[in-house]
Amino acid sequence: MKRHTLSVLVENRAGVLSRVTGLFSRRGFNIESLAVGTSEEEGMSRITLVAFGDDREVEQVIKQLNKLIDVIKVSDLTERERVERELALFKVGAEPGAVRAEVMQIATIFRSRVIDVGPKTVTLEITGDSDKIDALERLLAPYGIRELYRTGRIAVLRGQKTVKSEK
């Protein structure tokens, strides 16, 4: 089994996301990451999801997704050159003094931004690939991560290549 990144262009209508995720659920796939937003085409949304499965099983899911009426195009980006990004917000215990300075130094090394400072906490924003965010999480854990929010991964093909909307 391997991690598959799928891009699903859908009509922006109520219930579409539920039908797409329901298809994965019925087949026993756990969705590791899910991001949905408007696309470059008016009235369309792009769902980027990451799930584990073998190639044959994922191929069957893609065929079933293509049969859904509101699905315009499904692309498996797994084997294609792409850029993936994720956003994370970390609220970390960091009282003024040496601990706060250490947290701020870690933030600088990872090119994350300080977006809020409280009396006993610092909130950081970071964008990058999953490995970068995982590494930051490991380094911040000893300071006490009070809250952690991660978006789902989004992906785009490199260079001139695009995911076309025609079926």
N, C-alpha and C. Protein backbone atom coordinates (compact mmCIF):
# COMPACT_ATOMS: atom_id res chain seq x y z
N MET A 1 0.85 -1.18 0.00
CA MET A 1 0.00 0.00 0.00
C MET A 1 0.88 1.23 0.00
N LYS A 2 0.41 2.25 -0.70
CA LYS A 2 1.17 3.50 -0.72
C LYS A 2 0.21 4.68 -0.61
N ARG A 3 0.78 5.82 -0.37
CA ARG A 3 0.02 7.06 -0.22
C ARG A 3 -0.30 7.60 -1.62
N HIS A 4 -1.57 7.85 -1.86
CA HIS A 4 -2.03 8.41 -3.14
C HIS A 4 -2.56 9.82 -2.92
N THR A 5 -2.16 10.73 -3.80
CA THR A 5 -2.68 12.11 -3.78
C THR A 5 -3.60 12.27 -4.98
N LEU A 6 -4.86 12.56 -4.71
CA LEU A 6 -5.86 12.72 -5.77
C LEU A 6 -6.36 14.15 -5.82
N SER A 7 -6.54 14.64 -7.03
CA SER A 7 -7.15 15.93 -7.26
C SER A 7 -8.49 15.68 -7.93
N VAL A 8 -9.57 16.17 -7.31
CA VAL A 8 -10.92 15.91 -7.82
C VAL A 8 -11.59 17.26 -8.07
N LEU A 9 -11.86 17.56 -9.33
CA LEU A 9 -12.56 18.78 -9.70
C LEU A 9 -14.05 18.46 -9.70
N VAL A 10 -14.83 19.23 -8.92
CA VAL A 10 -16.25 18.96 -8.77
C VAL A 10 -17.06 20.24 -8.93
N GLU A 11 -18.34 20.06 -9.20
CA GLU A 11 -19.23 21.20 -9.20
C GLU A 11 -19.44 21.63 -7.76
N ASN A 12 -19.46 22.93 -7.53
CA ASN A 12 -19.58 23.47 -6.18
C ASN A 12 -21.06 23.45 -5.78
N ARG A 13 -21.49 22.31 -5.27
CA ARG A 13 -22.88 22.11 -4.85
C ARG A 13 -22.91 21.41 -3.50
N ALA A 14 -24.00 21.63 -2.79
CA ALA A 14 -24.18 20.97 -1.48
C ALA A 14 -24.22 19.46 -1.66
N GLY A 15 -23.55 18.75 -0.77
CA GLY A 15 -23.60 17.30 -0.76
C GLY A 15 -22.53 16.60 -1.58
N VAL A 16 -21.81 17.34 -2.42
CA VAL A 16 -20.80 16.71 -3.28
C VAL A 16 -19.66 16.12 -2.44
N LEU A 17 -19.16 16.89 -1.49
CA LEU A 17 -18.08 16.41 -0.64
C LEU A 17 -18.49 15.15 0.11
N SER A 18 -19.71 15.13 0.59
CA SER A 18 -20.21 13.96 1.31
C SER A 18 -20.23 12.73 0.42
N ARG A 19 -20.66 12.89 -0.83
CA ARG A 19 -20.69 11.75 -1.75
C ARG A 19 -19.28 11.25 -2.07
N VAL A 20 -18.34 12.18 -2.25
CA VAL A 20 -16.97 11.80 -2.57
C VAL A 20 -16.34 11.06 -1.38
N THR A 21 -16.44 11.62 -0.19
CA THR A 21 -15.83 10.97 0.97
C THR A 21 -16.55 9.68 1.34
N GLY A 22 -17.86 9.63 1.11
CA GLY A 22 -18.62 8.42 1.37
C GLY A 22 -18.16 7.25 0.53
N LEU A 23 -17.75 7.55 -0.69
CA LEU A 23 -17.24 6.50 -1.57
C LEU A 23 -15.98 5.88 -0.98
N PHE A 24 -15.10 6.71 -0.43
CA PHE A 24 -13.89 6.19 0.22
C PHE A 24 -14.25 5.38 1.46
N SER A 25 -15.18 5.88 2.23
CA SER A 25 -15.59 5.21 3.46
C SER A 25 -16.16 3.83 3.17
N ARG A 26 -17.03 3.75 2.19
CA ARG A 26 -17.64 2.46 1.85
C ARG A 26 -16.61 1.43 1.41
N ARG A 27 -15.50 1.87 0.83
CA ARG A 27 -14.47 0.95 0.37
C ARG A 27 -13.40 0.71 1.43
N GLY A 28 -13.58 1.29 2.62
CA GLY A 28 -12.67 1.04 3.72
C GLY A 28 -11.37 1.83 3.67
N PHE A 29 -11.35 2.92 2.91
CA PHE A 29 -10.16 3.77 2.84
C PHE A 29 -10.23 4.84 3.91
N ASN A 30 -9.13 5.02 4.61
CA ASN A 30 -9.04 6.14 5.54
C ASN A 30 -8.41 7.31 4.79
N ILE A 31 -9.07 8.45 4.81
CA ILE A 31 -8.52 9.65 4.18
C ILE A 31 -7.59 10.30 5.19
N GLU A 32 -6.32 10.38 4.82
CA GLU A 32 -5.30 10.96 5.70
C GLU A 32 -5.36 12.48 5.69
N SER A 33 -5.67 13.06 4.54
CA SER A 33 -5.66 14.51 4.39
C SER A 33 -6.74 14.89 3.40
N LEU A 34 -7.41 16.01 3.68
CA LEU A 34 -8.50 16.47 2.83
C LEU A 34 -8.52 17.99 2.83
N ALA A 35 -8.50 18.57 1.65
CA ALA A 35 -8.59 20.03 1.51
C ALA A 35 -9.56 20.33 0.36
N VAL A 36 -10.43 21.30 0.58
CA VAL A 36 -11.41 21.67 -0.42
C VAL A 36 -11.43 23.19 -0.55
N GLY A 37 -11.50 23.66 -1.77
CA GLY A 37 -11.60 25.10 -1.99
C GLY A 37 -12.04 25.38 -3.41
N THR A 38 -12.36 26.62 -3.67
CA THR A 38 -12.75 27.00 -5.02
C THR A 38 -11.58 26.80 -5.97
N SER A 39 -11.89 26.63 -7.23
CA SER A 39 -10.84 26.40 -8.23
C SER A 39 -10.78 27.59 -9.18
N GLU A 40 -9.95 27.44 -10.20
CA GLU A 40 -9.79 28.49 -11.21
C GLU A 40 -11.02 28.61 -12.10
N GLU A 41 -11.90 27.62 -12.05
CA GLU A 41 -13.10 27.63 -12.89
C GLU A 41 -14.31 28.00 -12.04
N GLU A 42 -15.04 29.00 -12.46
CA GLU A 42 -16.19 29.46 -11.70
C GLU A 42 -17.22 28.35 -11.52
N GLY A 43 -17.74 28.25 -10.30
CA GLY A 43 -18.74 27.23 -9.99
C GLY A 43 -18.16 25.86 -9.71
N MET A 44 -16.82 25.78 -9.69
CA MET A 44 -16.15 24.50 -9.45
C MET A 44 -15.31 24.59 -8.17
N SER A 45 -15.16 23.46 -7.51
CA SER A 45 -14.27 23.34 -6.36
C SER A 45 -13.27 22.23 -6.65
N ARG A 46 -12.12 22.33 -5.99
CA ARG A 46 -11.12 21.28 -6.12
C ARG A 46 -10.95 20.62 -4.76
N ILE A 47 -11.07 19.31 -4.76
CA ILE A 47 -10.84 18.51 -3.57
C ILE A 47 -9.49 17.84 -3.75
N THR A 48 -8.60 18.07 -2.81
CA THR A 48 -7.32 17.36 -2.81
C THR A 48 -7.35 16.42 -1.62
N LEU A 49 -7.19 15.13 -1.89
CA LEU A 49 -7.20 14.19 -0.78
C LEU A 49 -6.05 13.21 -0.89
N VAL A 50 -5.62 12.77 0.26
CA VAL A 50 -4.53 11.80 0.36
C VAL A 50 -5.06 10.60 1.11
N ALA A 51 -4.88 9.42 0.52
CA ALA A 51 -5.35 8.18 1.13
C ALA A 51 -4.36 7.06 0.83
N PHE A 52 -4.31 6.07 1.71
CA PHE A 52 -3.45 4.90 1.50
C PHE A 52 -4.24 3.81 0.79
N GLY A 53 -3.59 3.12 -0.14
CA GLY A 53 -4.20 2.00 -0.82
C GLY A 53 -3.27 1.46 -1.88
N ASP A 54 -3.56 0.27 -2.37
CA ASP A 54 -2.74 -0.22 -3.47
C ASP A 54 -3.27 0.36 -4.77
N ASP A 55 -2.45 0.29 -5.80
CA ASP A 55 -2.78 0.95 -7.08
C ASP A 55 -4.11 0.46 -7.64
N ARG A 56 -4.37 -0.85 -7.56
CA ARG A 56 -5.59 -1.40 -8.13
C ARG A 56 -6.84 -0.87 -7.41
N GLU A 57 -6.78 -0.85 -6.08
CA GLU A 57 -7.91 -0.35 -5.30
C GLU A 57 -8.18 1.12 -5.60
N VAL A 58 -7.13 1.92 -5.68
CA VAL A 58 -7.30 3.35 -5.94
C VAL A 58 -7.83 3.56 -7.35
N GLU A 59 -7.38 2.75 -8.30
CA GLU A 59 -7.90 2.84 -9.67
C GLU A 59 -9.41 2.60 -9.69
N GLN A 60 -9.88 1.64 -8.90
CA GLN A 60 -11.32 1.36 -8.82
C GLN A 60 -12.08 2.54 -8.21
N VAL A 61 -11.51 3.15 -7.17
CA VAL A 61 -12.15 4.32 -6.54
C VAL A 61 -12.24 5.46 -7.56
N ILE A 62 -11.17 5.67 -8.33
CA ILE A 62 -11.17 6.74 -9.33
C ILE A 62 -12.27 6.49 -10.36
N LYS A 63 -12.43 5.25 -10.81
CA LYS A 63 -13.49 4.92 -11.77
C LYS A 63 -14.86 5.22 -11.17
N GLN A 64 -15.05 4.87 -9.90
CA GLN A 64 -16.34 5.14 -9.25
C GLN A 64 -16.56 6.64 -9.05
N LEU A 65 -15.50 7.37 -8.71
CA LEU A 65 -15.63 8.82 -8.56
C LEU A 65 -16.06 9.45 -9.88
N ASN A 66 -15.48 8.99 -10.98
CA ASN A 66 -15.82 9.54 -12.29
C ASN A 66 -17.28 9.30 -12.67
N LYS A 67 -17.93 8.33 -12.04
CA LYS A 67 -19.34 8.06 -12.31
C LYS A 67 -20.27 9.00 -11.56
N LEU A 68 -19.76 9.68 -10.52
CA LEU A 68 -20.61 10.61 -9.77
C LEU A 68 -20.94 11.81 -10.64
N ILE A 69 -22.18 12.22 -10.62
CA ILE A 69 -22.67 13.25 -11.55
C ILE A 69 -21.98 14.60 -11.40
N ASP A 70 -21.64 14.99 -10.18
CA ASP A 70 -21.03 16.30 -9.96
C ASP A 70 -19.51 16.31 -10.09
N VAL A 71 -18.92 15.15 -10.35
CA VAL A 71 -17.47 15.06 -10.51
C VAL A 71 -17.12 15.36 -11.96
N ILE A 72 -16.25 16.34 -12.16
CA ILE A 72 -15.84 16.74 -13.51
C ILE A 72 -14.60 15.98 -13.94
N LYS A 73 -13.60 15.90 -13.06
CA LYS A 73 -12.32 15.27 -13.42
C LYS A 73 -11.62 14.76 -12.17
N VAL A 74 -11.07 13.56 -12.25
CA VAL A 74 -10.27 12.98 -11.16
C VAL A 74 -8.88 12.72 -11.70
N SER A 75 -7.87 13.19 -11.00
CA SER A 75 -6.49 12.97 -11.41
C SER A 75 -5.70 12.40 -10.23
N ASP A 76 -4.98 11.31 -10.50
CA ASP A 76 -4.08 10.74 -9.50
C ASP A 76 -2.72 11.40 -9.71
N LEU A 77 -2.30 12.23 -8.76
CA LEU A 77 -1.05 12.97 -8.88
C LEU A 77 0.14 12.22 -8.28
N THR A 78 -0.12 11.01 -7.79
CA THR A 78 0.87 10.26 -7.02
C THR A 78 2.21 10.10 -7.73
N GLU A 79 2.19 9.70 -8.97
CA GLU A 79 3.42 9.41 -9.71
C GLU A 79 3.87 10.60 -10.56
N ARG A 80 3.23 11.73 -10.42
CA ARG A 80 3.56 12.89 -11.26
C ARG A 80 4.37 13.90 -10.46
N GLU A 81 5.21 14.66 -11.16
CA GLU A 81 5.98 15.70 -10.48
C GLU A 81 5.03 16.79 -10.02
N ARG A 82 5.08 17.07 -8.71
CA ARG A 82 4.15 18.02 -8.14
C ARG A 82 4.80 18.74 -6.97
N VAL A 83 4.14 19.81 -6.59
CA VAL A 83 4.51 20.54 -5.38
C VAL A 83 3.35 20.36 -4.42
N GLU A 84 3.65 19.95 -3.18
CA GLU A 84 2.63 19.80 -2.15
C GLU A 84 2.93 20.75 -1.01
N ARG A 85 1.89 21.33 -0.45
CA ARG A 85 2.04 22.22 0.70
C ARG A 85 0.91 21.97 1.68
N GLU A 86 1.20 22.36 2.91
CA GLU A 86 0.25 22.25 4.01
C GLU A 86 0.49 23.46 4.91
N LEU A 87 -0.53 23.89 5.59
CA LEU A 87 -0.43 25.00 6.54
C LEU A 87 -0.69 24.45 7.93
N ALA A 88 0.06 24.96 8.91
CA ALA A 88 -0.17 24.53 10.29
C ALA A 88 -0.06 25.74 11.22
N LEU A 89 -0.87 25.70 12.28
CA LEU A 89 -0.80 26.70 13.35
C LEU A 89 -0.47 25.95 14.64
N PHE A 90 0.57 26.42 15.34
CA PHE A 90 0.99 25.84 16.60
C PHE A 90 0.84 26.87 17.70
N LYS A 91 0.13 26.55 18.76
CA LYS A 91 0.12 27.38 19.97
C LYS A 91 0.99 26.64 20.98
N VAL A 92 2.08 27.29 21.38
CA VAL A 92 3.10 26.64 22.20
C VAL A 92 3.25 27.37 23.52
N GLY A 93 3.42 26.62 24.59
CA GLY A 93 3.72 27.20 25.89
C GLY A 93 5.07 27.90 25.83
N ALA A 94 5.10 29.20 26.11
CA ALA A 94 6.35 29.95 26.02
C ALA A 94 6.26 31.21 26.88
N GLU A 95 6.56 31.06 28.15
CA GLU A 95 6.55 32.22 29.04
C GLU A 95 7.72 33.13 28.69
N PRO A 96 7.59 34.43 28.96
CA PRO A 96 8.69 35.35 28.65
C PRO A 96 10.00 34.89 29.29
N GLY A 97 11.07 35.08 28.54
CA GLY A 97 12.39 34.69 29.04
C GLY A 97 13.07 33.73 28.09
N ALA A 98 13.89 32.86 28.65
CA ALA A 98 14.71 31.95 27.85
C ALA A 98 13.88 30.99 27.01
N VAL A 99 12.80 30.46 27.57
CA VAL A 99 11.96 29.51 26.83
C VAL A 99 11.35 30.18 25.60
N ARG A 100 10.82 31.38 25.78
CA ARG A 100 10.23 32.10 24.65
C ARG A 100 11.29 32.37 23.59
N ALA A 101 12.48 32.75 24.00
CA ALA A 101 13.56 33.02 23.05
C ALA A 101 13.90 31.76 22.25
N GLU A 102 13.92 30.61 22.92
CA GLU A 102 14.20 29.34 22.24
C GLU A 102 13.12 29.02 21.20
N VAL A 103 11.86 29.20 21.59
CA VAL A 103 10.75 28.94 20.66
C VAL A 103 10.85 29.87 19.47
N MET A 104 11.15 31.14 19.71
CA MET A 104 11.28 32.12 18.62
C MET A 104 12.44 31.75 17.69
N GLN A 105 13.52 31.24 18.25
CA GLN A 105 14.67 30.83 17.45
C GLN A 105 14.30 29.64 16.56
N ILE A 106 13.59 28.67 17.12
CA ILE A 106 13.12 27.53 16.33
C ILE A 106 12.22 28.02 15.20
N ALA A 107 11.33 28.95 15.53
CA ALA A 107 10.42 29.51 14.51
C ALA A 107 11.22 30.12 13.36
N THR A 108 12.26 30.86 13.69
CA THR A 108 13.09 31.50 12.67
C THR A 108 13.78 30.47 11.79
N ILE A 109 14.33 29.44 12.40
CA ILE A 109 15.02 28.39 11.64
C ILE A 109 14.09 27.74 10.63
N PHE A 110 12.83 27.54 11.01
CA PHE A 110 11.86 26.88 10.13
C PHE A 110 11.12 27.86 9.22
N ARG A 111 11.51 29.13 9.28
CA ARG A 111 10.85 30.18 8.48
C ARG A 111 9.35 30.23 8.74
N SER A 112 8.99 29.98 9.99
CA SER A 112 7.58 30.13 10.37
C SER A 112 7.40 31.55 10.89
N ARG A 113 6.15 31.96 10.97
CA ARG A 113 5.85 33.32 11.43
C ARG A 113 5.18 33.28 12.78
N VAL A 114 5.53 34.23 13.61
CA VAL A 114 4.84 34.42 14.88
C VAL A 114 3.61 35.24 14.56
N ILE A 115 2.42 34.69 14.85
CA ILE A 115 1.19 35.41 14.52
C ILE A 115 0.44 35.89 15.75
N ASP A 116 0.86 35.41 16.94
CA ASP A 116 0.24 35.89 18.17
C ASP A 116 1.18 35.58 19.33
N VAL A 117 1.23 36.53 20.26
CA VAL A 117 2.02 36.34 21.48
C VAL A 117 1.11 36.65 22.66
N GLY A 118 1.00 35.69 23.56
CA GLY A 118 0.22 35.88 24.77
C GLY A 118 1.14 35.89 25.97
N PRO A 119 0.59 36.09 27.17
CA PRO A 119 1.42 36.11 28.37
C PRO A 119 2.22 34.82 28.59
N LYS A 120 1.64 33.68 28.17
CA LYS A 120 2.32 32.40 28.40
C LYS A 120 2.41 31.52 27.15
N THR A 121 2.03 32.06 26.00
CA THR A 121 2.04 31.27 24.77
C THR A 121 2.54 32.09 23.58
N VAL A 122 2.95 31.36 22.57
CA VAL A 122 3.30 31.94 21.27
C VAL A 122 2.59 31.09 20.22
N THR A 123 1.98 31.74 19.24
CA THR A 123 1.32 31.02 18.16
C THR A 123 2.13 31.23 16.88
N LEU A 124 2.46 30.10 16.22
CA LEU A 124 3.27 30.12 15.02
C LEU A 124 2.46 29.63 13.83
N GLU A 125 2.77 30.18 12.67
CA GLU A 125 2.18 29.74 11.40
C GLU A 125 3.32 29.23 10.53
N ILE A 126 3.13 28.07 9.92
CA ILE A 126 4.14 27.52 9.03
C ILE A 126 3.48 26.92 7.80
N THR A 127 4.12 27.10 6.67
CA THR A 127 3.68 26.50 5.42
C THR A 127 4.84 25.69 4.89
N GLY A 128 4.55 24.49 4.41
CA GLY A 128 5.60 23.66 3.83
C GLY A 128 5.11 22.26 3.56
N ASP A 129 6.05 21.39 3.25
CA ASP A 129 5.65 20.01 3.04
C ASP A 129 5.45 19.34 4.40
N SER A 130 4.84 18.19 4.37
CA SER A 130 4.49 17.50 5.62
C SER A 130 5.71 17.18 6.47
N ASP A 131 6.82 16.82 5.85
CA ASP A 131 8.04 16.51 6.62
C ASP A 131 8.52 17.71 7.41
N LYS A 132 8.46 18.89 6.82
CA LYS A 132 8.89 20.11 7.50
C LYS A 132 8.00 20.38 8.71
N ILE A 133 6.70 20.24 8.53
CA ILE A 133 5.77 20.49 9.62
C ILE A 133 5.93 19.44 10.73
N ASP A 134 6.14 18.19 10.33
CA ASP A 134 6.38 17.12 11.32
C ASP A 134 7.63 17.42 12.13
N ALA A 135 8.68 17.90 11.46
CA ALA A 135 9.95 18.21 12.15
C ALA A 135 9.76 19.34 13.14
N LEU A 136 9.02 20.38 12.74
CA LEU A 136 8.75 21.49 13.67
C LEU A 136 7.95 20.99 14.87
N GLU A 137 6.98 20.14 14.63
CA GLU A 137 6.18 19.60 15.72
C GLU A 137 7.06 18.85 16.73
N ARG A 138 7.99 18.04 16.23
CA ARG A 138 8.88 17.29 17.13
C ARG A 138 9.72 18.25 17.98
N LEU A 139 10.21 19.33 17.38
CA LEU A 139 11.04 20.27 18.12
C LEU A 139 10.25 21.09 19.14
N LEU A 140 8.99 21.37 18.83
CA LEU A 140 8.17 22.17 19.74
C LEU A 140 7.53 21.34 20.85
N ALA A 141 7.43 20.04 20.67
CA ALA A 141 6.75 19.18 21.65
C ALA A 141 7.28 19.35 23.08
N PRO A 142 8.60 19.43 23.29
CA PRO A 142 9.08 19.58 24.67
C PRO A 142 8.62 20.87 25.36
N TYR A 143 8.23 21.87 24.59
CA TYR A 143 7.78 23.14 25.17
C TYR A 143 6.29 23.11 25.53
N GLY A 144 5.61 22.08 25.05
CA GLY A 144 4.18 21.95 25.34
C GLY A 144 3.32 22.58 24.26
N ILE A 145 2.93 21.77 23.29
CA ILE A 145 2.03 22.26 22.24
C ILE A 145 0.63 22.27 22.83
N ARG A 146 0.07 23.47 23.00
CA ARG A 146 -1.27 23.61 23.59
C ARG A 146 -2.36 23.31 22.57
N GLU A 147 -2.12 23.74 21.32
CA GLU A 147 -3.06 23.47 20.23
C GLU A 147 -2.26 23.33 18.95
N LEU A 148 -2.77 22.47 18.05
CA LEU A 148 -2.16 22.27 16.75
C LEU A 148 -3.27 22.10 15.73
N TYR A 149 -3.22 22.90 14.68
CA TYR A 149 -4.18 22.80 13.58
C TYR A 149 -3.41 22.64 12.29
N ARG A 150 -3.75 21.61 11.52
CA ARG A 150 -3.10 21.38 10.23
C ARG A 150 -4.17 21.31 9.15
N THR A 151 -3.91 21.99 8.06
CA THR A 151 -4.81 21.87 6.92
C THR A 151 -4.50 20.58 6.21
N GLY A 152 -5.34 20.19 5.30
CA GLY A 152 -5.00 19.07 4.44
C GLY A 152 -3.97 19.53 3.42
N ARG A 153 -3.30 18.56 2.83
CA ARG A 153 -2.33 18.89 1.79
C ARG A 153 -3.03 19.37 0.53
N ILE A 154 -2.40 20.30 -0.13
CA ILE A 154 -2.83 20.69 -1.47
C ILE A 154 -1.65 20.43 -2.40
N ALA A 155 -1.94 20.19 -3.66
CA ALA A 155 -0.88 19.84 -4.60
C ALA A 155 -1.17 20.46 -5.96
N VAL A 156 -0.11 20.80 -6.66
CA VAL A 156 -0.21 21.31 -8.03
C VAL A 156 0.93 20.69 -8.82
N LEU A 157 0.66 20.38 -10.08
CA LEU A 157 1.71 19.80 -10.92
C LEU A 157 2.78 20.84 -11.20
N ARG A 158 4.01 20.39 -11.34
CA ARG A 158 5.13 21.30 -11.62
C ARG A 158 5.11 21.78 -13.06
N GLY A 159 5.69 22.96 -13.26
CA GLY A 159 5.89 23.49 -14.60
C GLY A 159 4.61 23.84 -15.32
N GLN A 160 4.60 23.61 -16.62
CA GLN A 160 3.47 23.97 -17.48
C GLN A 160 2.29 23.01 -17.36
N LYS A 161 2.50 21.86 -16.75
CA LYS A 161 1.45 20.85 -16.69
C LYS A 161 0.30 21.33 -15.81
N THR A 162 -0.93 21.01 -16.23
CA THR A 162 -2.11 21.33 -15.44
C THR A 162 -3.04 20.12 -15.40
N VAL A 163 -3.94 20.14 -14.46
CA VAL A 163 -4.99 19.13 -14.40
C VAL A 163 -6.17 19.73 -15.16
N LYS A 164 -6.45 19.19 -16.32
CA LYS A 164 -7.51 19.73 -17.19
C LYS A 164 -8.89 19.37 -16.65
N SER A 165 -9.85 20.22 -16.93
CA SER A 165 -11.19 20.01 -16.39
C SER A 165 -12.07 19.15 -17.30
N GLU A 166 -11.69 18.93 -18.54
CA GLU A 166 -12.57 18.13 -19.39
C GLU A 166 -12.46 16.65 -19.05
N LYS A 167 -13.59 15.96 -19.17
CA LYS A 167 -13.62 14.50 -18.87
C LYS A 167 -12.97 13.73 -19.99
